[in-house]
Amino acid sequence: GLLYGKKPLSDNYRIISILENAGSAFAVIKVGA
């Protein structure tokens, strides 16, 4: 899928969570299969 799919990480169904800690942001992106 990663080799031949249509950019599955950025186009698949996903839930994006932006987590803030001490002024810094962390993205936790859960990608559906």
PDB file of all heavy atoms in Angstrom:
ATOM      1  N   GLY A   1       0.810  -1.210   0.000  1.00  0.00           N
ATOM      2  CA  GLY A   1       0.000   0.000   0.000  1.00  0.00           C
ATOM      3  C   GLY A   1       0.839   1.255   0.000  1.00  0.00           C
ATOM      4  O   GLY A   1       0.530   2.234  -0.698  1.00  0.00           O
ATOM      5  N   LEU A   2       1.917   1.243   0.781  1.00  0.00           N
ATOM      6  CA  LEU A   2       2.792   2.410   0.835  1.00  0.00           C
ATOM      7  C   LEU A   2       3.582   2.592  -0.460  1.00  0.00           C
ATOM      8  O   LEU A   2       3.891   3.707  -0.867  1.00  0.00           O
ATOM      9  CB  LEU A   2       3.751   2.302   2.029  1.00  0.00           C
ATOM     10  CG  LEU A   2       3.087   2.392   3.404  1.00  0.00           C
ATOM     11  CD1 LEU A   2       4.094   2.098   4.503  1.00  0.00           C
ATOM     12  CD2 LEU A   2       2.453   3.756   3.623  1.00  0.00           C
ATOM     13  N   LEU A   3       3.888   1.459  -1.113  1.00  0.00           N
ATOM     14  CA  LEU A   3       4.632   1.536  -2.370  1.00  0.00           C
ATOM     15  C   LEU A   3       3.764   1.983  -3.537  1.00  0.00           C
ATOM     16  O   LEU A   3       4.165   2.832  -4.340  1.00  0.00           O
ATOM     17  CB  LEU A   3       5.250   0.168  -2.696  1.00  0.00           C
ATOM     18  CG  LEU A   3       6.556  -0.212  -2.013  1.00  0.00           C
ATOM     19  CD1 LEU A   3       6.895  -1.663  -2.288  1.00  0.00           C
ATOM     20  CD2 LEU A   3       7.708   0.688  -2.484  1.00  0.00           C
ATOM     21  N   TYR A   4       2.546   1.411  -3.621  1.00  0.00           N
ATOM     22  CA  TYR A   4       1.741   1.588  -4.828  1.00  0.00           C
ATOM     23  C   TYR A   4       0.408   2.315  -4.614  1.00  0.00           C
ATOM     24  O   TYR A   4      -0.252   2.659  -5.576  1.00  0.00           O
ATOM     25  CB  TYR A   4       1.444   0.218  -5.455  1.00  0.00           C
ATOM     26  CG  TYR A   4       2.680  -0.567  -5.818  1.00  0.00           C
ATOM     27  CD1 TYR A   4       2.880  -1.860  -5.330  1.00  0.00           C
ATOM     28  CD2 TYR A   4       3.657  -0.017  -6.647  1.00  0.00           C
ATOM     29  CE1 TYR A   4       4.018  -2.591  -5.664  1.00  0.00           C
ATOM     30  CE2 TYR A   4       4.796  -0.740  -6.975  1.00  0.00           C
ATOM     31  CZ  TYR A   4       4.973  -2.021  -6.489  1.00  0.00           C
ATOM     32  OH  TYR A   4       6.088  -2.736  -6.822  1.00  0.00           O
ATOM     33  N   GLY A   5       0.030   2.517  -3.372  1.00  0.00           N
ATOM     34  CA  GLY A   5      -1.255   3.172  -3.115  1.00  0.00           C
ATOM     35  C   GLY A   5      -1.220   4.660  -3.428  1.00  0.00           C
ATOM     36  O   GLY A   5      -0.158   5.247  -3.672  1.00  0.00           O
ATOM     37  N   LYS A   6      -2.391   5.260  -3.414  1.00  0.00           N
ATOM     38  CA  LYS A   6      -2.515   6.694  -3.696  1.00  0.00           C
ATOM     39  C   LYS A   6      -2.283   7.497  -2.415  1.00  0.00           C
ATOM     40  O   LYS A   6      -3.209   8.021  -1.805  1.00  0.00           O
ATOM     41  CB  LYS A   6      -3.890   7.005  -4.291  1.00  0.00           C
ATOM     42  CG  LYS A   6      -4.092   6.434  -5.686  1.00  0.00           C
ATOM     43  CD  LYS A   6      -5.449   6.828  -6.250  1.00  0.00           C
ATOM     44  CE  LYS A   6      -5.627   6.315  -7.672  1.00  0.00           C
ATOM     45  NZ  LYS A   6      -6.963   6.666  -8.231  1.00  0.00           N
ATOM     46  N   LYS A   7      -1.014   7.555  -2.002  1.00  0.00           N
ATOM     47  CA  LYS A   7      -0.604   8.292  -0.810  1.00  0.00           C
ATOM     48  C   LYS A   7      -1.534   8.002   0.383  1.00  0.00           C
ATOM     49  O   LYS A   7      -2.238   8.884   0.882  1.00  0.00           O
ATOM     50  CB  LYS A   7      -0.538   9.795  -1.108  1.00  0.00           C
ATOM     51  CG  LYS A   7       0.490  10.152  -2.175  1.00  0.00           C
ATOM     52  CD  LYS A   7       0.703  11.631  -2.276  1.00  0.00           C
ATOM     53  CE  LYS A   7       1.698  11.974  -3.389  1.00  0.00           C
ATOM     54  NZ  LYS A   7       3.026  11.418  -3.175  1.00  0.00           N
ATOM     55  N   PRO A   8      -1.552   6.736   0.830  1.00  0.00           N
ATOM     56  CA  PRO A   8      -2.510   6.332   1.855  1.00  0.00           C
ATOM     57  C   PRO A   8      -2.398   7.092   3.171  1.00  0.00           C
ATOM     58  O   PRO A   8      -3.411   7.297   3.847  1.00  0.00           O
ATOM     59  CB  PRO A   8      -2.232   4.839   2.047  1.00  0.00           C
ATOM     60  CG  PRO A   8      -0.841   4.638   1.557  1.00  0.00           C
ATOM     61  CD  PRO A   8      -0.680   5.609   0.430  1.00  0.00           C
ATOM     62  N   LEU A   9      -1.200   7.499   3.561  1.00  0.00           N
ATOM     63  CA  LEU A   9      -1.069   8.164   4.855  1.00  0.00           C
ATOM     64  C   LEU A   9      -1.798   9.502   4.883  1.00  0.00           C
ATOM     65  O   LEU A   9      -2.412   9.871   5.883  1.00  0.00           O
ATOM     66  CB  LEU A   9       0.411   8.369   5.212  1.00  0.00           C
ATOM     67  CG  LEU A   9       1.250   7.100   5.383  1.00  0.00           C
ATOM     68  CD1 LEU A   9       2.675   7.454   5.759  1.00  0.00           C
ATOM     69  CD2 LEU A   9       0.639   6.171   6.426  1.00  0.00           C
ATOM     70  N   SER A  10      -1.745  10.233   3.777  1.00  0.00           N
ATOM     71  CA  SER A  10      -2.341  11.565   3.766  1.00  0.00           C
ATOM     72  C   SER A  10      -3.736  11.609   3.168  1.00  0.00           C
ATOM     73  O   SER A  10      -4.427  12.621   3.295  1.00  0.00           O
ATOM     74  CB  SER A  10      -1.435  12.550   3.004  1.00  0.00           C
ATOM     75  OG  SER A  10      -1.255  12.137   1.670  1.00  0.00           O
ATOM     76  N   ASP A  11      -4.167  10.522   2.516  1.00  0.00           N
ATOM     77  CA  ASP A  11      -5.483  10.535   1.877  1.00  0.00           C
ATOM     78  C   ASP A  11      -6.498   9.605   2.528  1.00  0.00           C
ATOM     79  O   ASP A  11      -7.702   9.787   2.374  1.00  0.00           O
ATOM     80  CB  ASP A  11      -5.349  10.163   0.394  1.00  0.00           C
ATOM     81  CG  ASP A  11      -4.685  11.270  -0.419  1.00  0.00           C
ATOM     82  OD1 ASP A  11      -4.252  12.261   0.195  1.00  0.00           O
ATOM     83  OD2 ASP A  11      -4.596  11.153  -1.648  1.00  0.00           O
ATOM     84  N   ASN A  12      -6.019   8.581   3.249  1.00  0.00           N
ATOM     85  CA  ASN A  12      -6.941   7.657   3.906  1.00  0.00           C
ATOM     86  C   ASN A  12      -7.778   8.371   4.971  1.00  0.00           C
ATOM     87  O   ASN A  12      -7.409   9.443   5.465  1.00  0.00           O
ATOM     88  CB  ASN A  12      -6.175   6.525   4.595  1.00  0.00           C
ATOM     89  CG  ASN A  12      -5.785   5.411   3.648  1.00  0.00           C
ATOM     90  OD1 ASN A  12      -5.798   5.572   2.440  1.00  0.00           O
ATOM     91  ND2 ASN A  12      -5.396   4.274   4.204  1.00  0.00           N
ATOM     92  N   TYR A  13      -8.868   7.728   5.343  1.00  0.00           N
ATOM     93  CA  TYR A  13      -9.644   8.176   6.503  1.00  0.00           C
ATOM     94  C   TYR A  13      -8.705   8.233   7.706  1.00  0.00           C
ATOM     95  O   TYR A  13      -7.920   7.309   7.948  1.00  0.00           O
ATOM     96  CB  TYR A  13     -10.778   7.178   6.766  1.00  0.00           C
ATOM     97  CG  TYR A  13     -11.554   7.436   8.031  1.00  0.00           C
ATOM     98  CD1 TYR A  13     -12.630   8.321   8.041  1.00  0.00           C
ATOM     99  CD2 TYR A  13     -11.208   6.791   9.219  1.00  0.00           C
ATOM    100  CE1 TYR A  13     -13.346   8.559   9.198  1.00  0.00           C
ATOM    101  CE2 TYR A  13     -11.914   7.028  10.385  1.00  0.00           C
ATOM    102  CZ  TYR A  13     -12.982   7.909  10.373  1.00  0.00           C
ATOM    103  OH  TYR A  13     -13.679   8.146  11.529  1.00  0.00           O
ATOM    104  N   ARG A  14      -8.805   9.303   8.491  1.00  0.00           N
ATOM    105  CA  ARG A  14      -7.906   9.436   9.628  1.00  0.00           C
ATOM    106  C   ARG A  14      -8.508  10.387  10.673  1.00  0.00           C
ATOM    107  O   ARG A  14      -9.341  11.242  10.351  1.00  0.00           O
ATOM    108  CB  ARG A  14      -6.521   9.928   9.202  1.00  0.00           C
ATOM    109  CG  ARG A  14      -6.516  11.249   8.458  1.00  0.00           C
ATOM    110  CD  ARG A  14      -5.241  11.401   7.616  1.00  0.00           C
ATOM    111  NE  ARG A  14      -5.184  12.688   6.935  1.00  0.00           N
ATOM    112  CZ  ARG A  14      -5.848  12.979   5.817  1.00  0.00           C
ATOM    113  NH1 ARG A  14      -6.622  12.071   5.258  1.00  0.00           N
ATOM    114  NH2 ARG A  14      -5.746  14.173   5.265  1.00  0.00           N
ATOM    115  N   ILE A  15      -8.076  10.222  11.895  1.00  0.00           N
ATOM    116  CA  ILE A  15      -8.444  11.134  12.976  1.00  0.00           C
ATOM    117  C   ILE A  15      -7.166  11.825  13.428  1.00  0.00           C
ATOM    118  O   ILE A  15      -6.190  11.171  13.812  1.00  0.00           O
ATOM    119  CB  ILE A  15      -9.115  10.399  14.147  1.00  0.00           C
ATOM    120  CG1 ILE A  15     -10.432   9.759  13.681  1.00  0.00           C
ATOM    121  CG2 ILE A  15      -9.378  11.363  15.297  1.00  0.00           C
ATOM    122  CD1 ILE A  15     -11.152   8.978  14.769  1.00  0.00           C
ATOM    123  N   ILE A  16      -7.179  13.135  13.369  1.00  0.00           N
ATOM    124  CA  ILE A  16      -6.000  13.954  13.668  1.00  0.00           C
ATOM    125  C   ILE A  16      -6.194  14.610  15.027  1.00  0.00           C
ATOM    126  O   ILE A  16      -7.189  15.312  15.252  1.00  0.00           O
ATOM    127  CB  ILE A  16      -5.797  15.011  12.570  1.00  0.00           C
ATOM    128  CG1 ILE A  16      -5.569  14.315  11.222  1.00  0.00           C
ATOM    129  CG2 ILE A  16      -4.629  15.939  12.912  1.00  0.00           C
ATOM    130  CD1 ILE A  16      -5.839  15.174  10.017  1.00  0.00           C
ATOM    131  N   SER A  17      -5.251  14.387  15.930  1.00  0.00           N
ATOM    132  CA  SER A  17      -5.295  14.988  17.258  1.00  0.00           C
ATOM    133  C   SER A  17      -4.066  15.876  17.437  1.00  0.00           C
ATOM    134  O   SER A  17      -2.942  15.421  17.216  1.00  0.00           O
ATOM    135  CB  SER A  17      -5.312  13.907  18.352  1.00  0.00           C
ATOM    136  OG  SER A  17      -6.376  12.995  18.154  1.00  0.00           O
ATOM    137  N   ILE A  18      -4.285  17.116  17.829  1.00  0.00           N
ATOM    138  CA  ILE A  18      -3.185  18.038  18.117  1.00  0.00           C
ATOM    139  C   ILE A  18      -3.081  18.169  19.633  1.00  0.00           C
ATOM    140  O   ILE A  18      -4.003  18.641  20.304  1.00  0.00           O
ATOM    141  CB  ILE A  18      -3.415  19.419  17.476  1.00  0.00           C
ATOM    142  CG1 ILE A  18      -3.634  19.277  15.963  1.00  0.00           C
ATOM    143  CG2 ILE A  18      -2.236  20.344  17.772  1.00  0.00           C
ATOM    144  CD1 ILE A  18      -2.478  18.653  15.208  1.00  0.00           C
ATOM    145  N   LEU A  19      -1.946  17.719  20.150  1.00  0.00           N
ATOM    146  CA  LEU A  19      -1.706  17.678  21.587  1.00  0.00           C
ATOM    147  C   LEU A  19      -0.698  18.761  21.962  1.00  0.00           C
ATOM    148  O   LEU A  19       0.386  18.835  21.398  1.00  0.00           O
ATOM    149  CB  LEU A  19      -1.175  16.292  21.965  1.00  0.00           C
ATOM    150  CG  LEU A  19      -0.851  16.004  23.426  1.00  0.00           C
ATOM    151  CD1 LEU A  19      -2.108  16.097  24.293  1.00  0.00           C
ATOM    152  CD2 LEU A  19      -0.216  14.617  23.558  1.00  0.00           C
ATOM    153  N   GLU A  20      -1.063  19.609  22.912  1.00  0.00           N
ATOM    154  CA  GLU A  20      -0.193  20.695  23.358  1.00  0.00           C
ATOM    155  C   GLU A  20       0.400  20.360  24.720  1.00  0.00           C
ATOM    156  O   GLU A  20      -0.317  19.929  25.634  1.00  0.00           O
ATOM    157  CB  GLU A  20      -0.982  22.000  23.459  1.00  0.00           C
ATOM    158  CG  GLU A  20      -1.553  22.498  22.142  1.00  0.00           C
ATOM    159  CD  GLU A  20      -0.653  23.502  21.438  1.00  0.00           C
ATOM    160  OE1 GLU A  20       0.394  23.879  22.010  1.00  0.00           O
ATOM    161  OE2 GLU A  20      -1.014  23.899  20.314  1.00  0.00           O
ATOM    162  N   ASN A  21       1.716  20.581  24.820  1.00  0.00           N
ATOM    163  CA  ASN A  21       2.412  20.364  26.087  1.00  0.00           C
ATOM    164  C   ASN A  21       3.497  21.415  26.216  1.00  0.00           C
ATOM    165  O   ASN A  21       4.380  21.516  25.345  1.00  0.00           O
ATOM    166  CB  ASN A  21       3.013  18.953  26.135  1.00  0.00           C
ATOM    167  CG  ASN A  21       3.779  18.674  27.419  1.00  0.00           C
ATOM    168  OD1 ASN A  21       4.754  19.341  27.738  1.00  0.00           O
ATOM    169  ND2 ASN A  21       3.334  17.657  28.155  1.00  0.00           N
ATOM    170  N   ALA A  22       3.420  22.223  27.276  1.00  0.00           N
ATOM    171  CA  ALA A  22       4.432  23.247  27.565  1.00  0.00           C
ATOM    172  C   ALA A  22       4.703  24.153  26.357  1.00  0.00           C
ATOM    173  O   ALA A  22       5.849  24.488  26.066  1.00  0.00           O
ATOM    174  CB  ALA A  22       5.733  22.587  28.034  1.00  0.00           C
ATOM    175  N   GLY A  23       3.657  24.503  25.639  1.00  0.00           N
ATOM    176  CA  GLY A  23       3.799  25.419  24.519  1.00  0.00           C
ATOM    177  C   GLY A  23       4.200  24.784  23.202  1.00  0.00           C
ATOM    178  O   GLY A  23       4.298  25.486  22.185  1.00  0.00           O
ATOM    179  N   SER A  24       4.425  23.482  23.187  1.00  0.00           N
ATOM    180  CA  SER A  24       4.794  22.782  21.952  1.00  0.00           C
ATOM    181  C   SER A  24       3.625  21.919  21.482  1.00  0.00           C
ATOM    182  O   SER A  24       2.862  21.397  22.294  1.00  0.00           O
ATOM    183  CB  SER A  24       6.014  21.896  22.175  1.00  0.00           C
ATOM    184  OG  SER A  24       7.154  22.677  22.481  1.00  0.00           O
ATOM    185  N   ALA A  25       3.521  21.784  20.160  1.00  0.00           N
ATOM    186  CA  ALA A  25       2.438  20.990  19.577  1.00  0.00           C
ATOM    187  C   ALA A  25       2.965  19.660  19.064  1.00  0.00           C
ATOM    188  O   ALA A  25       4.070  19.584  18.511  1.00  0.00           O
ATOM    189  CB  ALA A  25       1.776  21.754  18.435  1.00  0.00           C
ATOM    190  N   PHE A  26       2.175  18.627  19.244  1.00  0.00           N
ATOM    191  CA  PHE A  26       2.479  17.293  18.749  1.00  0.00           C
ATOM    192  C   PHE A  26       1.239  16.793  18.014  1.00  0.00           C
ATOM    193  O   PHE A  26       0.134  16.866  18.545  1.00  0.00           O
ATOM    194  CB  PHE A  26       2.821  16.347  19.901  1.00  0.00           C
ATOM    195  CG  PHE A  26       3.977  16.810  20.744  1.00  0.00           C
ATOM    196  CD1 PHE A  26       3.776  17.734  21.762  1.00  0.00           C
ATOM    197  CD2 PHE A  26       5.254  16.347  20.505  1.00  0.00           C
ATOM    198  CE1 PHE A  26       4.843  18.185  22.538  1.00  0.00           C
ATOM    199  CE2 PHE A  26       6.329  16.789  21.271  1.00  0.00           C
ATOM    200  CZ  PHE A  26       6.119  17.713  22.288  1.00  0.00           C
ATOM    201  N   ALA A  27       1.420  16.303  16.799  1.00  0.00           N
ATOM    202  CA  ALA A  27       0.301  15.746  16.042  1.00  0.00           C
ATOM    203  C   ALA A  27       0.315  14.230  16.190  1.00  0.00           C
ATOM    204  O   ALA A  27       1.352  13.589  15.982  1.00  0.00           O
ATOM    205  CB  ALA A  27       0.395  16.145  14.575  1.00  0.00           C
ATOM    206  N   VAL A  28      -0.823  13.662  16.557  1.00  0.00           N
ATOM    207  CA  VAL A  28      -0.990  12.214  16.657  1.00  0.00           C
ATOM    208  C   VAL A  28      -2.070  11.855  15.636  1.00  0.00           C
ATOM    209  O   VAL A  28      -3.252  12.100  15.861  1.00  0.00           O
ATOM    210  CB  VAL A  28      -1.409  11.779  18.074  1.00  0.00           C
ATOM    211  CG1 VAL A  28      -1.483  10.254  18.162  1.00  0.00           C
ATOM    212  CG2 VAL A  28      -0.435  12.341  19.116  1.00  0.00           C
ATOM    213  N   ILE A  29      -1.635  11.292  14.512  1.00  0.00           N
ATOM    214  CA  ILE A  29      -2.537  11.062  13.382  1.00  0.00           C
ATOM    215  C   ILE A  29      -2.791   9.570  13.243  1.00  0.00           C
ATOM    216  O   ILE A  29      -1.881   8.785  12.959  1.00  0.00           O
ATOM    217  CB  ILE A  29      -1.928  11.639  12.088  1.00  0.00           C
ATOM    218  CG1 ILE A  29      -1.632  13.124  12.281  1.00  0.00           C
ATOM    219  CG2 ILE A  29      -2.867  11.418  10.901  1.00  0.00           C
ATOM    220  CD1 ILE A  29      -0.663  13.695  11.271  1.00  0.00           C
ATOM    221  N   LYS A  30      -4.023   9.188  13.448  1.00  0.00           N
ATOM    222  CA  LYS A  30      -4.436   7.786  13.402  1.00  0.00           C
ATOM    223  C   LYS A  30      -5.031   7.525  12.022  1.00  0.00           C
ATOM    224  O   LYS A  30      -6.042   8.137  11.660  1.00  0.00           O
ATOM    225  CB  LYS A  30      -5.437   7.515  14.523  1.00  0.00           C
ATOM    226  CG  LYS A  30      -4.840   7.773  15.915  1.00  0.00           C
ATOM    227  CD  LYS A  30      -5.880   8.017  16.989  1.00  0.00           C
ATOM    228  CE  LYS A  30      -6.505   9.394  16.889  1.00  0.00           C
ATOM    229  NZ  LYS A  30      -5.571  10.496  17.181  1.00  0.00           N
ATOM    230  N   VAL A  31      -4.399   6.627  11.253  1.00  0.00           N
ATOM    231  CA  VAL A  31      -4.752   6.417   9.848  1.00  0.00           C
ATOM    232  C   VAL A  31      -5.509   5.103   9.686  1.00  0.00           C
ATOM    233  O   VAL A  31      -5.020   4.045  10.078  1.00  0.00           O
ATOM    234  CB  VAL A  31      -3.489   6.397   8.959  1.00  0.00           C
ATOM    235  CG1 VAL A  31      -3.875   6.279   7.489  1.00  0.00           C
ATOM    236  CG2 VAL A  31      -2.651   7.657   9.186  1.00  0.00           C
ATOM    237  N   GLY A  32      -6.687   5.168   9.076  1.00  0.00           N
ATOM    238  CA  GLY A  32      -7.493   3.983   8.850  1.00  0.00           C
ATOM    239  C   GLY A  32      -6.923   3.098   7.760  1.00  0.00           C
ATOM    240  O   GLY A  32      -6.139   3.550   6.914  1.00  0.00           O
ATOM    241  N   ALA A  33      -7.321   1.829   7.776  1.00  0.00           N
ATOM    242  CA  ALA A  33      -6.832   0.862   6.797  1.00  0.00           C
ATOM    243  C   ALA A  33      -7.931   0.476   5.826  1.00  0.00           C
ATOM    244  O   ALA A  33      -9.094   0.834   5.986  1.00  0.00           O
ATOM    245  CB  ALA A  33      -6.305  -0.382   7.507  1.00  0.00           C
TER     246      ALA A  33
END
